[in-house]
């Protein structure tokens, strides 16, 4: 997979930072929506927490995978 470099030579660090912020906001929205829906779904807090943890782990892994893709390649 190709690596990207921004015009200022920082690689994808600005993109990674923005994606990290979006991921954090998304996690908060998911937590809020899940907790608001609990009375309607009949799910327990423990079940909802397990789903939220799983989603957070997957999002973190995706962010790490993306970061590894866009980080500048070290000079040889």
N, C-alpha and C. Protein backbone atom coordinates (compact mmCIF):
# COMPACT_ATOMS: atom_id res chain seq x y z
N UNK A 1 0.84 -1.17 0.00
CA UNK A 1 0.00 0.00 0.00
C UNK A 1 0.89 1.23 0.00
N UNK A 2 0.53 2.23 -0.77
CA UNK A 2 1.35 3.43 -0.88
C UNK A 2 1.22 4.30 0.36
N UNK A 3 2.30 4.98 0.67
CA UNK A 3 2.29 5.92 1.79
C UNK A 3 2.13 7.32 1.23
N UNK A 4 1.50 8.19 2.01
CA UNK A 4 1.27 9.54 1.53
C UNK A 4 2.13 10.53 2.29
N UNK A 5 2.42 11.64 1.64
CA UNK A 5 3.17 12.71 2.28
C UNK A 5 2.47 14.01 1.94
N UNK A 6 2.25 14.84 2.95
CA UNK A 6 1.61 16.13 2.70
C UNK A 6 2.63 17.09 2.11
N UNK A 7 2.16 18.23 1.62
CA UNK A 7 3.03 19.21 0.98
C UNK A 7 4.09 19.74 1.94
N UNK A 8 3.81 19.77 3.23
CA UNK A 8 4.78 20.29 4.19
C UNK A 8 5.74 19.22 4.71
N UNK A 9 5.63 18.00 4.18
CA UNK A 9 6.56 16.94 4.54
C UNK A 9 6.24 16.23 5.85
N UNK A 10 5.11 16.53 6.46
CA UNK A 10 4.76 15.90 7.74
C UNK A 10 4.11 14.55 7.57
N UNK A 11 3.99 14.10 6.36
CA UNK A 11 3.31 12.83 6.16
C UNK A 11 1.83 13.00 6.43
N UNK A 12 1.21 11.98 6.92
CA UNK A 12 -0.22 12.02 7.17
C UNK A 12 -0.57 12.37 8.60
N UNK A 13 0.37 13.00 9.33
CA UNK A 13 0.11 13.24 10.75
C UNK A 13 -1.08 14.14 10.97
N UNK A 14 -1.29 15.15 10.11
CA UNK A 14 -2.46 16.01 10.27
C UNK A 14 -3.74 15.25 10.00
N UNK A 15 -3.70 14.35 9.03
CA UNK A 15 -4.86 13.52 8.71
C UNK A 15 -5.14 12.57 9.87
N UNK A 16 -4.09 11.96 10.40
CA UNK A 16 -4.25 11.03 11.52
C UNK A 16 -4.84 11.75 12.72
N UNK A 17 -4.37 12.94 13.00
CA UNK A 17 -4.91 13.72 14.12
C UNK A 17 -6.39 14.01 13.95
N UNK A 18 -6.76 14.40 12.75
CA UNK A 18 -8.18 14.69 12.49
C UNK A 18 -9.03 13.42 12.60
N UNK A 19 -8.53 12.33 12.05
CA UNK A 19 -9.27 11.07 12.16
C UNK A 19 -9.39 10.63 13.61
N UNK A 20 -8.35 10.86 14.40
CA UNK A 20 -8.40 10.52 15.82
C UNK A 20 -9.48 11.34 16.52
N UNK A 21 -9.56 12.62 16.21
CA UNK A 21 -10.60 13.47 16.80
C UNK A 21 -11.99 12.98 16.40
N UNK A 22 -12.14 12.64 15.11
CA UNK A 22 -13.43 12.14 14.64
C UNK A 22 -13.79 10.83 15.33
N UNK A 23 -12.80 9.98 15.51
CA UNK A 23 -13.03 8.70 16.18
C UNK A 23 -13.49 8.92 17.62
N UNK A 24 -12.84 9.84 18.31
CA UNK A 24 -13.23 10.13 19.69
C UNK A 24 -14.66 10.67 19.76
N UNK A 25 -15.00 11.56 18.85
CA UNK A 25 -16.36 12.11 18.83
C UNK A 25 -17.38 11.02 18.51
N UNK A 26 -17.02 10.16 17.56
CA UNK A 26 -17.92 9.07 17.20
C UNK A 26 -18.14 8.14 18.38
N UNK A 27 -17.07 7.82 19.10
CA UNK A 27 -17.21 6.97 20.29
C UNK A 27 -18.17 7.59 21.29
N UNK A 28 -18.04 8.89 21.53
CA UNK A 28 -18.94 9.56 22.48
C UNK A 28 -20.38 9.53 21.99
N UNK A 29 -20.58 9.71 20.69
CA UNK A 29 -21.95 9.67 20.16
C UNK A 29 -22.54 8.27 20.27
N UNK A 30 -21.71 7.26 20.03
CA UNK A 30 -22.18 5.87 20.15
C UNK A 30 -22.55 5.56 21.59
N UNK A 31 -21.71 5.98 22.52
CA UNK A 31 -22.00 5.75 23.94
C UNK A 31 -23.32 6.43 24.31
N UNK A 32 -23.48 7.68 23.91
CA UNK A 32 -24.70 8.43 24.22
C UNK A 32 -25.93 7.76 23.62
N UNK A 33 -25.84 7.38 22.34
CA UNK A 33 -26.98 6.75 21.67
C UNK A 33 -27.31 5.39 22.28
N UNK A 34 -26.28 4.64 22.63
CA UNK A 34 -26.50 3.31 23.22
C UNK A 34 -27.19 3.44 24.57
N UNK A 35 -26.71 4.36 25.39
CA UNK A 35 -27.32 4.53 26.71
C UNK A 35 -28.75 5.05 26.60
N UNK A 36 -29.00 5.93 25.64
CA UNK A 36 -30.35 6.45 25.46
C UNK A 36 -31.31 5.36 24.99
N UNK A 37 -30.80 4.40 24.21
CA UNK A 37 -31.66 3.35 23.66
C UNK A 37 -31.86 2.17 24.60
N UNK A 38 -31.12 2.11 25.69
CA UNK A 38 -31.21 0.95 26.59
C UNK A 38 -32.64 0.62 27.03
N UNK A 39 -33.42 1.60 27.48
CA UNK A 39 -34.78 1.24 27.93
C UNK A 39 -35.63 0.61 26.82
N UNK A 40 -35.37 1.01 25.57
CA UNK A 40 -36.18 0.50 24.46
C UNK A 40 -35.71 -0.87 23.99
N UNK A 41 -34.44 -1.18 24.17
CA UNK A 41 -33.90 -2.43 23.65
C UNK A 41 -33.98 -3.57 24.64
N UNK A 42 -34.11 -3.25 25.92
CA UNK A 42 -34.12 -4.28 26.94
C UNK A 42 -32.72 -4.79 27.25
N UNK A 43 -31.72 -4.15 26.71
CA UNK A 43 -30.34 -4.54 26.94
C UNK A 43 -29.91 -4.04 28.33
N UNK A 44 -29.04 -4.80 28.96
CA UNK A 44 -28.50 -4.36 30.24
C UNK A 44 -27.33 -3.42 30.01
N UNK A 45 -26.96 -2.68 31.05
CA UNK A 45 -25.80 -1.80 30.94
C UNK A 45 -24.54 -2.60 30.65
N UNK A 46 -24.42 -3.78 31.21
CA UNK A 46 -23.24 -4.61 30.98
C UNK A 46 -23.15 -5.03 29.52
N UNK A 47 -24.29 -5.41 28.93
CA UNK A 47 -24.30 -5.79 27.52
C UNK A 47 -23.93 -4.60 26.63
N UNK A 48 -24.51 -3.44 26.94
CA UNK A 48 -24.21 -2.24 26.16
C UNK A 48 -22.74 -1.86 26.30
N UNK A 49 -22.22 -1.96 27.51
CA UNK A 49 -20.81 -1.62 27.74
C UNK A 49 -19.90 -2.55 26.95
N UNK A 50 -20.25 -3.82 26.87
CA UNK A 50 -19.44 -4.78 26.11
C UNK A 50 -19.44 -4.41 24.62
N UNK A 51 -20.59 -4.03 24.10
CA UNK A 51 -20.67 -3.63 22.70
C UNK A 51 -19.86 -2.36 22.44
N UNK A 52 -19.95 -1.41 23.36
CA UNK A 52 -19.21 -0.16 23.22
C UNK A 52 -17.70 -0.42 23.27
N UNK A 53 -17.27 -1.28 24.18
CA UNK A 53 -15.84 -1.62 24.26
C UNK A 53 -15.36 -2.28 22.98
N UNK A 54 -16.17 -3.18 22.44
CA UNK A 54 -15.80 -3.86 21.20
C UNK A 54 -15.68 -2.85 20.05
N UNK A 55 -16.64 -1.96 19.94
CA UNK A 55 -16.60 -0.94 18.89
C UNK A 55 -15.38 -0.04 19.07
N UNK A 56 -15.10 0.36 20.29
CA UNK A 56 -13.94 1.21 20.56
C UNK A 56 -12.64 0.51 20.17
N UNK A 57 -12.53 -0.77 20.49
CA UNK A 57 -11.33 -1.54 20.12
C UNK A 57 -11.17 -1.60 18.60
N UNK A 58 -12.27 -1.85 17.91
CA UNK A 58 -12.20 -1.93 16.45
C UNK A 58 -11.84 -0.59 15.83
N UNK A 59 -12.40 0.48 16.37
CA UNK A 59 -12.09 1.81 15.84
C UNK A 59 -10.63 2.17 16.12
N UNK A 60 -10.12 1.82 17.30
CA UNK A 60 -8.73 2.09 17.62
C UNK A 60 -7.81 1.32 16.69
N UNK A 61 -8.14 0.06 16.43
CA UNK A 61 -7.32 -0.75 15.53
C UNK A 61 -7.32 -0.17 14.12
N UNK A 62 -8.48 0.27 13.66
CA UNK A 62 -8.56 0.87 12.33
C UNK A 62 -7.74 2.15 12.27
N UNK A 63 -7.78 2.97 13.32
CA UNK A 63 -6.99 4.19 13.35
C UNK A 63 -5.49 3.87 13.35
N UNK A 64 -5.09 2.85 14.09
CA UNK A 64 -3.67 2.46 14.12
C UNK A 64 -3.23 1.92 12.77
N UNK A 65 -4.08 1.14 12.13
CA UNK A 65 -3.76 0.62 10.80
C UNK A 65 -3.59 1.76 9.81
N UNK A 66 -4.50 2.73 9.88
CA UNK A 66 -4.42 3.88 8.97
C UNK A 66 -3.15 4.69 9.25
N UNK A 67 -2.87 4.91 10.52
CA UNK A 67 -1.68 5.68 10.88
C UNK A 67 -0.41 5.01 10.34
N UNK A 68 -0.35 3.70 10.45
CA UNK A 68 0.82 2.97 9.94
C UNK A 68 0.93 3.13 8.42
N UNK A 69 -0.19 3.33 7.77
CA UNK A 69 -0.20 3.49 6.32
C UNK A 69 0.30 4.87 5.91
N UNK A 70 -0.03 5.91 6.67
CA UNK A 70 0.29 7.27 6.25
C UNK A 70 1.53 7.86 6.89
N UNK A 71 2.12 7.19 7.88
CA UNK A 71 3.33 7.73 8.49
C UNK A 71 4.46 7.73 7.48
N UNK A 72 5.32 8.73 7.56
CA UNK A 72 6.43 8.79 6.62
C UNK A 72 7.35 7.57 6.77
N UNK A 73 7.88 7.13 5.66
CA UNK A 73 8.81 6.00 5.67
C UNK A 73 10.15 6.52 6.17
N UNK A 74 10.77 5.86 7.18
CA UNK A 74 12.05 6.32 7.69
C UNK A 74 13.13 6.27 6.61
N UNK A 75 14.02 7.27 6.65
CA UNK A 75 15.11 7.30 5.68
C UNK A 75 16.07 6.14 5.95
N UNK A 76 16.59 5.57 4.88
CA UNK A 76 17.49 4.42 5.01
C UNK A 76 18.90 4.86 5.35
